[in-house]
Amino acid sequence: MGKSYRILISMLAIVFSLAAACIGFALVGNLSIFSVRVGCSFIFIMQFIATVWCVIILWRTKMNNIK
């Protein structure tokens, strides 16, 4: 896979993850139970962080294999 495709796939993963988190926060805003809001907000934040973390690890692994 070429470098431009890796960049494109990584950027798409991060953009879609961020969009999903934003939609989730918008839906959570309508909830009245505080503990559910906190739990859902935590899940949406961690989902975005996990995606970014996976992209970084995949890029590091690929760079280490090139050397």
Protein backbone atom coordinates (compact mmCIF):
# COMPACT_ATOMS: atom_id res chain seq x y z
CA MET A 1 0.00 0.00 0.00
CA GLY A 2 1.41 3.37 -0.97
CA LYS A 3 2.15 6.13 1.46
CA SER A 4 -0.61 8.37 0.09
CA TYR A 5 -3.21 5.66 0.73
CA ARG A 6 -2.00 5.18 4.32
CA ILE A 7 -2.33 8.91 4.90
CA LEU A 8 -5.80 8.96 3.34
CA ILE A 9 -7.03 5.97 5.34
CA SER A 10 -5.58 7.37 8.58
CA MET A 11 -7.18 10.75 8.03
CA LEU A 12 -10.54 9.19 7.14
CA ALA A 13 -10.44 7.03 10.28
CA ILE A 14 -9.77 10.06 12.46
CA VAL A 15 -12.39 12.25 10.73
CA PHE A 16 -15.12 9.60 10.96
CA SER A 17 -14.21 8.87 14.56
CA LEU A 18 -14.43 12.56 15.42
CA ALA A 19 -17.76 12.85 13.59
CA ALA A 20 -19.15 9.85 15.50
CA ALA A 21 -18.02 11.37 18.79
CA CYS A 22 -19.67 14.70 17.92
CA ILE A 23 -22.94 13.00 16.98
CA GLY A 24 -22.78 11.00 20.20
CA PHE A 25 -22.25 14.12 22.30
CA ALA A 26 -25.22 15.77 20.57
CA LEU A 27 -27.44 12.79 21.38
CA VAL A 28 -26.14 12.57 24.96
CA GLY A 29 -27.01 16.22 25.51
CA ASN A 30 -30.70 15.29 25.52
CA LEU A 31 -30.36 12.78 28.36
CA SER A 32 -31.56 13.83 31.80
CA ILE A 33 -29.80 11.21 33.94
CA PHE A 34 -26.37 12.54 34.94
CA SER A 35 -24.62 9.17 35.38
CA VAL A 36 -25.70 8.01 31.93
CA ARG A 37 -24.46 11.26 30.39
CA VAL A 38 -21.07 10.89 32.08
CA GLY A 39 -20.75 7.24 31.07
CA CYS A 40 -21.72 7.88 27.44
CA SER A 41 -19.46 10.93 27.23
CA PHE A 42 -16.55 8.86 28.53
CA ILE A 43 -17.20 6.17 25.92
CA PHE A 44 -17.33 8.69 23.07
CA ILE A 45 -14.11 10.38 24.22
CA MET A 46 -12.30 7.06 24.58
CA GLN A 47 -13.50 5.90 21.16
CA PHE A 48 -11.85 8.88 19.49
CA ILE A 49 -8.67 8.55 21.56
CA ALA A 50 -8.48 4.82 20.78
CA THR A 51 -8.74 5.50 17.04
CA VAL A 52 -5.96 8.08 17.16
CA TRP A 53 -3.87 5.72 19.29
CA CYS A 54 -4.33 2.86 16.78
CA VAL A 55 -3.34 5.09 13.86
CA ILE A 56 -0.19 6.19 15.69
CA ILE A 57 0.75 2.62 16.60
CA LEU A 58 0.19 1.40 13.03
CA TRP A 59 2.35 4.21 11.66
CA ARG A 60 5.13 3.46 14.17
CA THR A 61 4.98 -0.26 13.36
CA LYS A 62 5.17 0.45 9.65
CA MET A 63 8.09 2.84 10.09
CA ASN A 64 9.97 0.31 12.26
CA ASN A 65 9.46 -2.40 9.64
CA ILE A 66 10.89 -0.14 6.91
CA LYS A 67 14.16 0.32 8.81
